[in-house]
Amino acid sequence: MAYEKTVWKDHVVERPKTYRMVENADGTVTLVPETGQVIQQGTALNAENLNKIEDALEAHETELGDRLEKAGGTMTGSIRMSGNAVQGLKEPVSSADAATKAYVDGKRKQFSAALATAWEGAGPFTQTVAVKGILETDMPHVVPVYDADNTTAQAQREAWGCVSRGVAAAGGIQFTCFGDKPETAIPIQIEVMR
């Protein structure tokens, strides 16, 4: 339920703080207000108006009590972002930290190369393709880049089917064919995350 605001008004009279003293039979006096004409009727300072404030504060405390603090709070459930973005993240330090798109994109490295038709060995066949920037510790994701010409692309597709694995080496990737070796060169794109 929405809070209905009380517009508080001062009580304005012709003669504020003016009283007439009336002597009582027991020797005490009663001060009777003699304020004259009421210029503006003030808002009553009574239990009804004060309890309305107290009730609203209590409801507000209950509603906000379960909200996450702006600093130092702990999540106890999921947050539905409803299409909104999370912004202002710091660079991650631990494995459980969130990361920005820019940080992740910075970890993604792309390279281009080509598998030639010169394979070594009598089976399995191997070929090391030089790729400047590849580290021995990388786990490369390699995909063929087929030619725009359909006949050439079909030959590249059949050749790629012969490649059994690719393993990172210092400055390149060693490819292995366990069965047949390709007889067509294959342009490749390599992606690594660091």
N, C-alpha and C. Protein backbone atom coordinates (compact mmCIF):
# COMPACT_ATOMS: atom_id res chain seq x y z
N MET A 1 0.85 -1.18 0.00
CA MET A 1 0.00 0.00 0.00
C MET A 1 0.89 1.24 0.00
N ALA A 2 0.58 2.17 -0.90
CA ALA A 2 1.38 3.39 -1.01
C ALA A 2 1.14 4.30 0.19
N TYR A 3 2.20 4.91 0.63
CA TYR A 3 2.11 5.83 1.77
C TYR A 3 1.43 7.12 1.33
N GLU A 4 0.42 7.54 2.11
CA GLU A 4 -0.26 8.80 1.83
C GLU A 4 0.35 9.88 2.72
N LYS A 5 1.01 10.80 2.07
CA LYS A 5 1.72 11.86 2.77
C LYS A 5 0.75 12.81 3.46
N THR A 6 1.08 13.17 4.68
CA THR A 6 0.33 14.20 5.41
C THR A 6 1.00 15.54 5.17
N VAL A 7 0.22 16.51 4.73
CA VAL A 7 0.76 17.86 4.55
C VAL A 7 0.56 18.59 5.87
N TRP A 8 1.63 18.80 6.59
CA TRP A 8 1.55 19.41 7.91
C TRP A 8 1.46 20.93 7.78
N LYS A 9 0.56 21.49 8.59
CA LYS A 9 0.38 22.95 8.60
C LYS A 9 0.56 23.47 10.01
N ASP A 10 1.20 24.64 10.11
CA ASP A 10 1.31 25.31 11.40
C ASP A 10 -0.04 25.89 11.80
N HIS A 11 -0.27 25.90 13.10
CA HIS A 11 -1.48 26.55 13.63
C HIS A 11 -1.14 28.04 13.81
N VAL A 12 -1.83 28.90 13.05
CA VAL A 12 -1.54 30.34 13.07
C VAL A 12 -2.72 31.07 13.68
N VAL A 13 -2.43 31.86 14.73
CA VAL A 13 -3.50 32.61 15.43
C VAL A 13 -3.12 34.09 15.50
N GLU A 14 -4.13 34.88 15.88
CA GLU A 14 -3.94 36.33 15.97
C GLU A 14 -2.94 36.70 17.06
N ARG A 15 -3.05 36.05 18.25
CA ARG A 15 -2.16 36.37 19.37
C ARG A 15 -1.56 35.06 19.91
N PRO A 16 -0.43 34.61 19.34
CA PRO A 16 0.16 33.36 19.82
C PRO A 16 0.71 33.49 21.23
N LYS A 17 0.72 32.38 21.96
CA LYS A 17 1.26 32.29 23.32
C LYS A 17 0.66 33.35 24.25
N THR A 18 -0.65 33.57 24.12
CA THR A 18 -1.34 34.53 24.98
C THR A 18 -2.38 33.75 25.81
N TYR A 19 -2.33 33.95 27.16
CA TYR A 19 -3.22 33.19 28.06
C TYR A 19 -3.85 34.13 29.09
N ARG A 20 -5.00 33.68 29.62
CA ARG A 20 -5.65 34.38 30.73
C ARG A 20 -5.56 33.45 31.93
N MET A 21 -5.15 34.04 33.09
CA MET A 21 -5.01 33.23 34.29
C MET A 21 -6.34 33.20 35.04
N VAL A 22 -6.77 32.00 35.38
CA VAL A 22 -7.99 31.83 36.16
C VAL A 22 -7.60 31.13 37.45
N GLU A 23 -7.98 31.75 38.62
CA GLU A 23 -7.63 31.16 39.91
C GLU A 23 -8.64 30.07 40.25
N ASN A 24 -8.11 28.94 40.66
CA ASN A 24 -8.95 27.80 41.06
C ASN A 24 -9.18 27.84 42.56
N ALA A 25 -10.19 27.14 43.03
CA ALA A 25 -10.58 27.14 44.44
C ALA A 25 -9.50 26.53 45.32
N ASP A 26 -8.68 25.64 44.75
CA ASP A 26 -7.64 24.99 45.56
C ASP A 26 -6.36 25.79 45.60
N GLY A 27 -6.36 27.01 45.05
CA GLY A 27 -5.20 27.88 45.11
C GLY A 27 -4.31 27.77 43.87
N THR A 28 -4.62 26.86 42.96
CA THR A 28 -3.86 26.75 41.72
C THR A 28 -4.45 27.68 40.67
N VAL A 29 -3.76 27.83 39.56
CA VAL A 29 -4.28 28.66 38.47
C VAL A 29 -4.37 27.83 37.20
N THR A 30 -5.27 28.16 36.33
CA THR A 30 -5.43 27.54 35.01
C THR A 30 -5.13 28.60 33.97
N LEU A 31 -4.32 28.25 33.01
CA LEU A 31 -4.02 29.16 31.92
C LEU A 31 -4.96 28.86 30.77
N VAL A 32 -5.80 29.81 30.43
CA VAL A 32 -6.77 29.64 29.35
C VAL A 32 -6.26 30.41 28.14
N PRO A 33 -6.10 29.71 26.96
CA PRO A 33 -5.60 30.40 25.77
C PRO A 33 -6.53 31.55 25.36
N GLU A 34 -5.94 32.68 25.07
CA GLU A 34 -6.66 33.86 24.57
C GLU A 34 -5.95 34.30 23.30
N THR A 35 -5.97 33.40 22.31
CA THR A 35 -5.18 33.63 21.09
C THR A 35 -5.88 34.47 20.05
N GLY A 36 -7.12 34.75 20.25
CA GLY A 36 -7.86 35.55 19.28
C GLY A 36 -8.27 34.69 18.08
N GLN A 37 -8.39 35.33 16.94
CA GLN A 37 -8.89 34.68 15.73
C GLN A 37 -7.87 33.66 15.18
N VAL A 38 -8.37 32.50 14.72
CA VAL A 38 -7.53 31.47 14.08
C VAL A 38 -7.37 31.86 12.61
N ILE A 39 -6.15 32.11 12.21
CA ILE A 39 -5.86 32.50 10.82
C ILE A 39 -5.67 31.26 9.95
N GLN A 40 -5.02 30.24 10.50
CA GLN A 40 -4.85 28.97 9.77
C GLN A 40 -4.94 27.83 10.77
N GLN A 41 -5.83 26.88 10.48
CA GLN A 41 -5.99 25.72 11.36
C GLN A 41 -4.81 24.78 11.12
N GLY A 42 -4.06 24.45 12.15
CA GLY A 42 -2.89 23.58 12.02
C GLY A 42 -3.28 22.11 11.98
N THR A 43 -2.34 21.28 11.54
CA THR A 43 -2.54 19.83 11.52
C THR A 43 -2.43 19.33 12.94
N ALA A 44 -3.37 18.47 13.31
CA ALA A 44 -3.42 17.97 14.68
C ALA A 44 -2.21 17.09 14.99
N LEU A 45 -1.54 17.37 16.10
CA LEU A 45 -0.44 16.55 16.58
C LEU A 45 -1.06 15.56 17.55
N ASN A 46 -1.54 14.43 16.97
CA ASN A 46 -2.27 13.46 17.79
C ASN A 46 -1.79 12.04 17.49
N ALA A 47 -2.33 11.06 18.22
CA ALA A 47 -1.92 9.66 18.08
C ALA A 47 -2.16 9.13 16.67
N GLU A 48 -3.23 9.52 16.05
CA GLU A 48 -3.54 9.03 14.70
C GLU A 48 -2.44 9.43 13.71
N ASN A 49 -2.08 10.72 13.70
CA ASN A 49 -1.05 11.18 12.77
C ASN A 49 0.34 10.63 13.12
N LEU A 50 0.67 10.57 14.40
CA LEU A 50 1.97 10.05 14.80
C LEU A 50 2.08 8.54 14.55
N ASN A 51 1.02 7.78 14.78
CA ASN A 51 1.04 6.33 14.52
C ASN A 51 1.13 6.02 13.03
N LYS A 52 0.57 6.90 12.22
CA LYS A 52 0.70 6.73 10.77
C LYS A 52 2.18 6.77 10.38
N ILE A 53 2.92 7.70 10.97
CA ILE A 53 4.36 7.81 10.71
C ILE A 53 5.08 6.56 11.21
N GLU A 54 4.76 6.14 12.43
CA GLU A 54 5.39 4.94 13.02
C GLU A 54 5.12 3.70 12.17
N ASP A 55 3.88 3.54 11.71
CA ASP A 55 3.52 2.37 10.89
C ASP A 55 4.29 2.37 9.57
N ALA A 56 4.42 3.56 8.97
CA ALA A 56 5.15 3.65 7.70
C ALA A 56 6.63 3.34 7.90
N LEU A 57 7.22 3.81 8.99
CA LEU A 57 8.63 3.51 9.28
C LEU A 57 8.85 2.02 9.50
N GLU A 58 7.93 1.39 10.18
CA GLU A 58 8.03 -0.05 10.43
C GLU A 58 7.93 -0.83 9.11
N ALA A 59 6.98 -0.45 8.25
CA ALA A 59 6.82 -1.13 6.96
C ALA A 59 8.06 -0.91 6.11
N HIS A 60 8.60 0.29 6.15
CA HIS A 60 9.81 0.62 5.38
C HIS A 60 10.99 -0.22 5.86
N GLU A 61 11.14 -0.37 7.16
CA GLU A 61 12.22 -1.16 7.73
C GLU A 61 12.10 -2.62 7.32
N THR A 62 10.87 -3.14 7.34
CA THR A 62 10.63 -4.54 6.95
C THR A 62 10.96 -4.73 5.48
N GLU A 63 10.52 -3.81 4.64
CA GLU A 63 10.74 -3.91 3.20
C GLU A 63 12.22 -3.80 2.85
N LEU A 64 12.94 -2.89 3.49
CA LEU A 64 14.34 -2.68 3.17
C LEU A 64 15.28 -3.60 3.94
N GLY A 65 14.79 -4.24 4.96
CA GLY A 65 15.64 -5.08 5.79
C GLY A 65 16.30 -6.21 5.03
N ASP A 66 15.65 -6.73 3.96
CA ASP A 66 16.19 -7.85 3.20
C ASP A 66 16.98 -7.40 1.98
N ARG A 67 17.12 -6.12 1.77
CA ARG A 67 17.86 -5.63 0.60
C ARG A 67 19.36 -5.71 0.83
N LEU A 68 20.07 -5.88 -0.26
CA LEU A 68 21.53 -5.98 -0.19
C LEU A 68 22.12 -4.60 0.03
N GLU A 69 23.05 -4.52 0.96
CA GLU A 69 23.73 -3.26 1.22
C GLU A 69 24.54 -2.86 -0.01
N LYS A 70 24.80 -1.57 -0.19
CA LYS A 70 25.60 -1.10 -1.33
C LYS A 70 27.05 -1.54 -1.20
N ALA A 71 27.50 -1.82 0.00
CA ALA A 71 28.88 -2.28 0.20
C ALA A 71 28.89 -3.33 1.30
N GLY A 72 29.57 -4.44 1.04
CA GLY A 72 29.78 -5.44 2.08
C GLY A 72 28.67 -6.43 2.29
N GLY A 73 27.61 -6.41 1.48
CA GLY A 73 26.51 -7.35 1.66
C GLY A 73 26.84 -8.71 1.08
N THR A 74 26.00 -9.69 1.39
CA THR A 74 26.17 -11.05 0.87
C THR A 74 24.89 -11.49 0.20
N MET A 75 24.99 -11.92 -1.06
CA MET A 75 23.83 -12.41 -1.79
C MET A 75 23.41 -13.77 -1.25
N THR A 76 22.13 -13.98 -1.14
CA THR A 76 21.62 -15.28 -0.70
C THR A 76 20.72 -15.90 -1.74
N GLY A 77 20.63 -15.29 -2.92
CA GLY A 77 19.78 -15.82 -3.98
C GLY A 77 20.16 -15.21 -5.32
N SER A 78 19.43 -15.61 -6.35
CA SER A 78 19.70 -15.12 -7.70
C SER A 78 19.17 -13.71 -7.89
N ILE A 79 19.80 -12.99 -8.81
CA ILE A 79 19.33 -11.66 -9.20
C ILE A 79 18.89 -11.74 -10.64
N ARG A 80 17.66 -11.36 -10.93
CA ARG A 80 17.17 -11.31 -12.30
C ARG A 80 17.45 -9.90 -12.82
N MET A 81 18.26 -9.81 -13.85
CA MET A 81 18.67 -8.51 -14.37
C MET A 81 17.65 -7.89 -15.32
N SER A 82 16.71 -8.69 -15.83
CA SER A 82 15.64 -8.19 -16.71
C SER A 82 16.18 -7.34 -17.85
N GLY A 83 17.26 -7.77 -18.47
CA GLY A 83 17.82 -7.07 -19.61
C GLY A 83 18.73 -5.92 -19.26
N ASN A 84 18.95 -5.67 -17.96
CA ASN A 84 19.84 -4.59 -17.54
C ASN A 84 21.28 -5.09 -17.44
N ALA A 85 22.23 -4.17 -17.53
CA ALA A 85 23.65 -4.53 -17.53
C ALA A 85 24.24 -4.41 -16.12
N VAL A 86 25.27 -5.20 -15.88
CA VAL A 86 26.10 -5.04 -14.69
C VAL A 86 27.32 -4.24 -15.15
N GLN A 87 27.58 -3.11 -14.53
CA GLN A 87 28.65 -2.23 -14.99
C GLN A 87 29.60 -1.90 -13.85
N GLY A 88 30.78 -1.41 -14.22
CA GLY A 88 31.74 -0.94 -13.23
C GLY A 88 32.49 -2.04 -12.51
N LEU A 89 32.67 -3.22 -13.14
CA LEU A 89 33.41 -4.32 -12.49
C LEU A 89 34.91 -4.03 -12.49
N LYS A 90 35.56 -4.43 -11.42
CA LYS A 90 37.02 -4.32 -11.37
C LYS A 90 37.60 -5.54 -12.08
N GLU A 91 38.88 -5.48 -12.38
CA GLU A 91 39.53 -6.61 -13.03
C GLU A 91 39.53 -7.80 -12.07
N PRO A 92 39.18 -8.99 -12.56
CA PRO A 92 39.10 -10.15 -11.66
C PRO A 92 40.47 -10.52 -11.08
N VAL A 93 40.44 -11.00 -9.83
CA VAL A 93 41.65 -11.44 -9.16
C VAL A 93 41.56 -12.93 -8.85
N SER A 94 40.42 -13.36 -8.29
CA SER A 94 40.26 -14.78 -7.96
C SER A 94 39.39 -15.46 -9.02
N SER A 95 39.38 -16.77 -9.01
CA SER A 95 38.65 -17.53 -10.02
C SER A 95 37.14 -17.34 -9.94
N ALA A 96 36.63 -16.87 -8.81
CA ALA A 96 35.19 -16.67 -8.65
C ALA A 96 34.75 -15.24 -8.97
N ASP A 97 35.69 -14.36 -9.33
CA ASP A 97 35.35 -12.97 -9.66
C ASP A 97 34.70 -12.88 -11.03
N ALA A 98 33.77 -11.93 -11.17
CA ALA A 98 33.16 -11.65 -12.47
C ALA A 98 34.16 -10.88 -13.33
N ALA A 99 33.99 -10.98 -14.65
CA ALA A 99 34.90 -10.29 -15.57
C ALA A 99 34.11 -9.50 -16.59
N THR A 100 34.68 -8.39 -17.04
CA THR A 100 34.04 -7.57 -18.06
C THR A 100 34.28 -8.18 -19.44
N LYS A 101 33.49 -7.75 -20.40
CA LYS A 101 33.66 -8.21 -21.78
C LYS A 101 35.04 -7.82 -22.29
N ALA A 102 35.48 -6.61 -21.98
CA ALA A 102 36.79 -6.15 -22.43
C ALA A 102 37.90 -7.04 -21.88
N TYR A 103 37.77 -7.46 -20.63
CA TYR A 103 38.79 -8.33 -20.03
C TYR A 103 38.83 -9.68 -20.74
N VAL A 104 37.65 -10.26 -20.97
CA VAL A 104 37.58 -11.56 -21.63
C VAL A 104 38.07 -11.45 -23.07
N ASP A 105 37.62 -10.40 -23.77
CA ASP A 105 38.08 -10.21 -25.16
C ASP A 105 39.59 -10.06 -25.22
N GLY A 106 40.17 -9.45 -24.20
CA GLY A 106 41.62 -9.28 -24.15
C GLY A 106 42.36 -10.59 -23.96
N LYS A 107 41.66 -11.59 -23.42
CA LYS A 107 42.27 -12.90 -23.20
C LYS A 107 42.18 -13.78 -24.45
N ARG A 108 41.38 -13.38 -25.41
CA ARG A 108 41.15 -14.16 -26.63
C ARG A 108 42.14 -13.70 -27.70
N LYS A 109 42.92 -14.63 -28.20
CA LYS A 109 43.89 -14.34 -29.24
C LYS A 109 43.53 -15.14 -30.48
N GLN A 110 43.61 -14.50 -31.65
CA GLN A 110 43.31 -15.18 -32.90
C GLN A 110 44.52 -15.14 -33.82
N PHE A 111 44.71 -16.26 -34.55
CA PHE A 111 45.82 -16.38 -35.49
C PHE A 111 45.30 -17.03 -36.76
N SER A 112 45.98 -16.77 -37.85
CA SER A 112 45.66 -17.42 -39.13
C SER A 112 46.91 -18.15 -39.61
N ALA A 113 46.69 -19.29 -40.25
CA ALA A 113 47.80 -20.07 -40.80
C ALA A 113 47.24 -20.98 -41.87
N ALA A 114 48.04 -21.92 -42.35
CA ALA A 114 47.57 -22.89 -43.34
C ALA A 114 48.31 -24.20 -43.17
N LEU A 115 47.55 -25.29 -43.32
CA LEU A 115 48.16 -26.62 -43.36
C LEU A 115 48.58 -26.85 -44.81
N ALA A 116 49.85 -27.15 -45.02
CA ALA A 116 50.35 -27.42 -46.37
C ALA A 116 50.16 -28.90 -46.70
N THR A 117 50.62 -29.31 -47.87
CA THR A 117 50.49 -30.72 -48.27
C THR A 117 51.74 -31.53 -47.93
N ALA A 118 52.74 -30.88 -47.31
CA ALA A 118 53.99 -31.56 -46.94
C ALA A 118 53.86 -32.16 -45.55
N TRP A 119 53.61 -33.47 -45.48
CA TRP A 119 53.47 -34.19 -44.21
C TRP A 119 54.68 -35.09 -44.01
N GLU A 120 55.06 -35.28 -42.75
CA GLU A 120 56.22 -36.11 -42.43
C GLU A 120 55.76 -37.45 -41.89
N GLY A 121 56.59 -38.45 -42.08
CA GLY A 121 56.33 -39.77 -41.52
C GLY A 121 55.61 -40.67 -42.50
N ALA A 122 55.53 -41.94 -42.10
CA ALA A 122 54.87 -42.95 -42.93
C ALA A 122 53.51 -43.32 -42.34
N GLY A 123 53.10 -42.67 -41.31
CA GLY A 123 51.82 -42.93 -40.63
C GLY A 123 52.08 -43.37 -39.20
N PRO A 124 51.60 -42.66 -38.23
CA PRO A 124 50.82 -41.44 -38.45
C PRO A 124 51.67 -40.33 -39.05
N PHE A 125 50.99 -39.42 -39.76
CA PHE A 125 51.66 -38.32 -40.44
C PHE A 125 51.60 -37.07 -39.54
N THR A 126 52.65 -36.27 -39.56
CA THR A 126 52.68 -35.05 -38.74
C THR A 126 53.12 -33.86 -39.57
N GLN A 127 52.70 -32.70 -39.12
CA GLN A 127 53.11 -31.44 -39.73
C GLN A 127 53.04 -30.37 -38.66
N THR A 128 54.12 -29.63 -38.50
CA THR A 128 54.13 -28.52 -37.54
C THR A 128 53.98 -27.22 -38.32
N VAL A 129 52.92 -26.50 -38.00
CA VAL A 129 52.64 -25.23 -38.67
C VAL A 129 53.13 -24.11 -37.76
N ALA A 130 54.00 -23.26 -38.29
CA ALA A 130 54.52 -22.13 -37.50
C ALA A 130 53.42 -21.09 -37.31
N VAL A 131 53.18 -20.73 -36.05
CA VAL A 131 52.19 -19.70 -35.72
C VAL A 131 52.83 -18.79 -34.68
N LYS A 132 53.27 -17.61 -35.14
CA LYS A 132 53.92 -16.68 -34.24
C LYS A 132 52.96 -16.24 -33.15
N GLY A 133 53.37 -16.42 -31.89
CA GLY A 133 52.54 -16.01 -30.76
C GLY A 133 51.90 -17.17 -30.02
N ILE A 134 51.88 -18.35 -30.61
CA ILE A 134 51.32 -19.52 -29.92
C ILE A 134 52.31 -20.01 -28.87
N LEU A 135 51.78 -20.32 -27.70
CA LEU A 135 52.62 -20.83 -26.61
C LEU A 135 52.41 -22.33 -26.47
N GLU A 136 53.38 -23.00 -25.95
CA GLU A 136 53.29 -24.45 -25.74
C GLU A 136 52.16 -24.80 -24.76
N THR A 137 51.83 -23.88 -23.87
CA THR A 137 50.80 -24.12 -22.87
C THR A 137 49.38 -23.81 -23.38
N ASP A 138 49.25 -23.27 -24.60
CA ASP A 138 47.93 -22.95 -25.16
C ASP A 138 47.14 -24.21 -25.48
N MET A 139 45.83 -24.07 -25.45
CA MET A 139 44.93 -25.13 -25.91
C MET A 139 44.17 -24.56 -27.11
N PRO A 140 44.72 -24.69 -28.31
CA PRO A 140 44.14 -24.01 -29.47
C PRO A 140 42.82 -24.63 -29.93
N HIS A 141 41.94 -23.75 -30.35
CA HIS A 141 40.70 -24.17 -31.02
C HIS A 141 40.92 -23.83 -32.49
N VAL A 142 40.95 -24.85 -33.34
CA VAL A 142 41.30 -24.67 -34.75
C VAL A 142 40.10 -25.00 -35.61
N VAL A 143 39.82 -24.11 -36.56
CA VAL A 143 38.74 -24.35 -37.53
C VAL A 143 39.26 -24.08 -38.93
N PRO A 144 38.78 -24.86 -39.92
CA PRO A 144 39.19 -24.61 -41.30
C PRO A 144 38.47 -23.37 -41.84
N VAL A 145 39.12 -22.68 -42.76
CA VAL A 145 38.52 -21.53 -43.43
C VAL A 145 38.41 -21.92 -44.90
N TYR A 146 37.21 -22.35 -45.30
CA TYR A 146 37.02 -22.87 -46.65
C TYR A 146 36.99 -21.76 -47.69
N ASP A 147 37.46 -22.10 -48.88
CA ASP A 147 37.51 -21.18 -50.01
C ASP A 147 36.10 -20.81 -50.48
N ALA A 148 35.95 -19.67 -51.15
CA ALA A 148 34.65 -19.25 -51.69
C ALA A 148 34.24 -20.12 -52.88
N ASP A 149 35.21 -20.71 -53.55
CA ASP A 149 34.92 -21.60 -54.68
C ASP A 149 34.46 -22.96 -54.12
N ASN A 150 33.30 -23.44 -54.56
CA ASN A 150 32.72 -24.67 -54.00
C ASN A 150 33.60 -25.90 -54.23
N THR A 151 34.21 -26.02 -55.40
CA THR A 151 35.05 -27.19 -55.69
C THR A 151 36.27 -27.22 -54.76
N THR A 152 36.90 -26.06 -54.59
CA THR A 152 38.05 -25.97 -53.70
C THR A 152 37.62 -26.21 -52.25
N ALA A 153 36.51 -25.64 -51.86
CA ALA A 153 36.00 -25.81 -50.49
C ALA A 153 35.71 -27.27 -50.19
N GLN A 154 35.14 -28.00 -51.16
CA GLN A 154 34.85 -29.43 -50.97
C GLN A 154 36.14 -30.21 -50.76
N ALA A 155 37.16 -29.90 -51.54
CA ALA A 155 38.46 -30.58 -51.39
C ALA A 155 39.07 -30.26 -50.03
N GLN A 156 38.95 -29.00 -49.57
CA GLN A 156 39.47 -28.61 -48.25
C GLN A 156 38.70 -29.33 -47.14
N ARG A 157 37.41 -29.47 -47.32
CA ARG A 157 36.58 -30.17 -46.31
C ARG A 157 37.01 -31.63 -46.18
N GLU A 158 37.22 -32.30 -47.32
CA GLU A 158 37.67 -33.70 -47.30
C GLU A 158 39.06 -33.81 -46.68
N ALA A 159 39.92 -32.84 -46.98
CA ALA A 159 41.28 -32.84 -46.42
C ALA A 159 41.23 -32.64 -44.91
N TRP A 160 40.37 -31.73 -44.45
CA TRP A 160 40.25 -31.45 -43.00
C TRP A 160 39.77 -32.70 -42.26
N GLY A 161 38.97 -33.52 -42.91
CA GLY A 161 38.49 -34.76 -42.31
C GLY A 161 39.60 -35.75 -42.01
N CYS A 162 40.77 -35.58 -42.62
CA CYS A 162 41.90 -36.46 -42.37
C CYS A 162 42.68 -36.07 -41.11
N VAL A 163 42.54 -34.81 -40.68
CA VAL A 163 43.32 -34.31 -39.54
C VAL A 163 42.73 -34.87 -38.25
N SER A 164 43.56 -35.54 -37.47
CA SER A 164 43.10 -36.20 -36.24
C SER A 164 43.23 -35.33 -35.01
N ARG A 165 44.31 -34.53 -34.92
CA ARG A 165 44.49 -33.67 -33.76
C ARG A 165 45.50 -32.57 -34.05
N GLY A 166 45.43 -31.53 -33.19
CA GLY A 166 46.40 -30.44 -33.24
C GLY A 166 46.80 -30.09 -31.83
N VAL A 167 48.10 -30.06 -31.56
CA VAL A 167 48.60 -29.81 -30.22
C VAL A 167 49.58 -28.63 -30.28
N ALA A 168 49.42 -27.69 -29.34
CA ALA A 168 50.29 -26.52 -29.31
C ALA A 168 51.73 -26.92 -29.02
N ALA A 169 52.62 -26.23 -29.72
CA ALA A 169 54.06 -26.36 -29.48
C ALA A 169 54.58 -24.94 -29.42
N ALA A 170 55.79 -24.74 -28.96
CA ALA A 170 56.35 -23.38 -28.87
C ALA A 170 56.43 -22.79 -30.27
N GLY A 171 55.67 -21.73 -30.51
CA GLY A 171 55.70 -21.05 -31.81
C GLY A 171 54.93 -21.73 -32.91
N GLY A 172 54.08 -22.70 -32.58
CA GLY A 172 53.31 -23.36 -33.63
C GLY A 172 52.37 -24.42 -33.10
N ILE A 173 51.78 -25.17 -34.04
CA ILE A 173 50.86 -26.26 -33.69
C ILE A 173 51.28 -27.49 -34.49
N GLN A 174 51.39 -28.62 -33.81
CA GLN A 174 51.72 -29.88 -34.49
C GLN A 174 50.42 -30.63 -34.76
N PHE A 175 50.16 -30.87 -36.03
CA PHE A 175 48.98 -31.60 -36.46
C PHE A 175 49.36 -33.04 -36.76
N THR A 176 48.42 -33.95 -36.48
CA THR A 176 48.66 -35.38 -36.71
C THR A 176 47.48 -35.96 -37.48
N CYS A 177 47.79 -36.82 -38.44
CA CYS A 177 46.78 -37.59 -39.17
C CYS A 177 47.05 -39.07 -38.89
N PHE A 178 46.13 -39.77 -38.28
CA PHE A 178 46.34 -41.18 -37.94
C PHE A 178 46.14 -42.09 -39.15
N GLY A 179 45.27 -41.64 -40.07
CA GLY A 179 45.01 -42.45 -41.27
C GLY A 179 45.62 -41.78 -42.48
N ASP A 180 44.77 -41.42 -43.43
CA ASP A 180 45.24 -40.75 -44.65
C ASP A 180 45.71 -39.34 -44.34
N LYS A 181 46.64 -38.84 -45.19
CA LYS A 181 47.09 -37.46 -45.04
C LYS A 181 46.42 -36.61 -46.12
N PRO A 182 46.12 -35.35 -45.81
CA PRO A 182 45.47 -34.47 -46.78
C PRO A 182 46.38 -34.20 -47.98
N GLU A 183 45.75 -34.08 -49.15
CA GLU A 183 46.49 -33.74 -50.36
C GLU A 183 46.12 -32.35 -50.84
N THR A 184 45.38 -31.62 -50.01
CA THR A 184 44.98 -30.25 -50.32
C THR A 184 45.38 -29.36 -49.16
N ALA A 185 45.90 -28.18 -49.46
CA ALA A 185 46.23 -27.22 -48.40
C ALA A 185 44.95 -26.69 -47.78
N ILE A 186 45.00 -26.43 -46.47
CA ILE A 186 43.79 -25.97 -45.73
C ILE A 186 44.11 -24.71 -44.97
N PRO A 187 43.50 -23.56 -45.33
CA PRO A 187 43.65 -22.36 -44.48
C PRO A 187 42.93 -22.61 -43.14
N ILE A 188 43.54 -22.18 -42.06
CA ILE A 188 42.93 -22.41 -40.73
C ILE A 188 42.93 -21.12 -39.93
N GLN A 189 41.99 -21.07 -39.00
CA GLN A 189 41.94 -19.98 -38.03
C GLN A 189 42.09 -20.61 -36.66
N ILE A 190 42.95 -20.02 -35.83
CA ILE A 190 43.25 -20.55 -34.52
C ILE A 190 42.85 -19.54 -33.47
N GLU A 191 42.22 -20.01 -32.41
CA GLU A 191 41.82 -19.13 -31.32
C GLU A 191 42.28 -19.75 -30.00
N VAL A 192 42.87 -18.94 -29.15
CA VAL A 192 43.26 -19.40 -27.81
C VAL A 192 42.76 -18.40 -26.78
N MET A 193 42.52 -18.89 -25.58
CA MET A 193 42.14 -18.05 -24.45
C MET A 193 43.25 -18.14 -23.42
N ARG A 194 43.69 -16.98 -22.93
CA ARG A 194 44.77 -16.97 -21.92
C ARG A 194 44.32 -16.18 -20.71
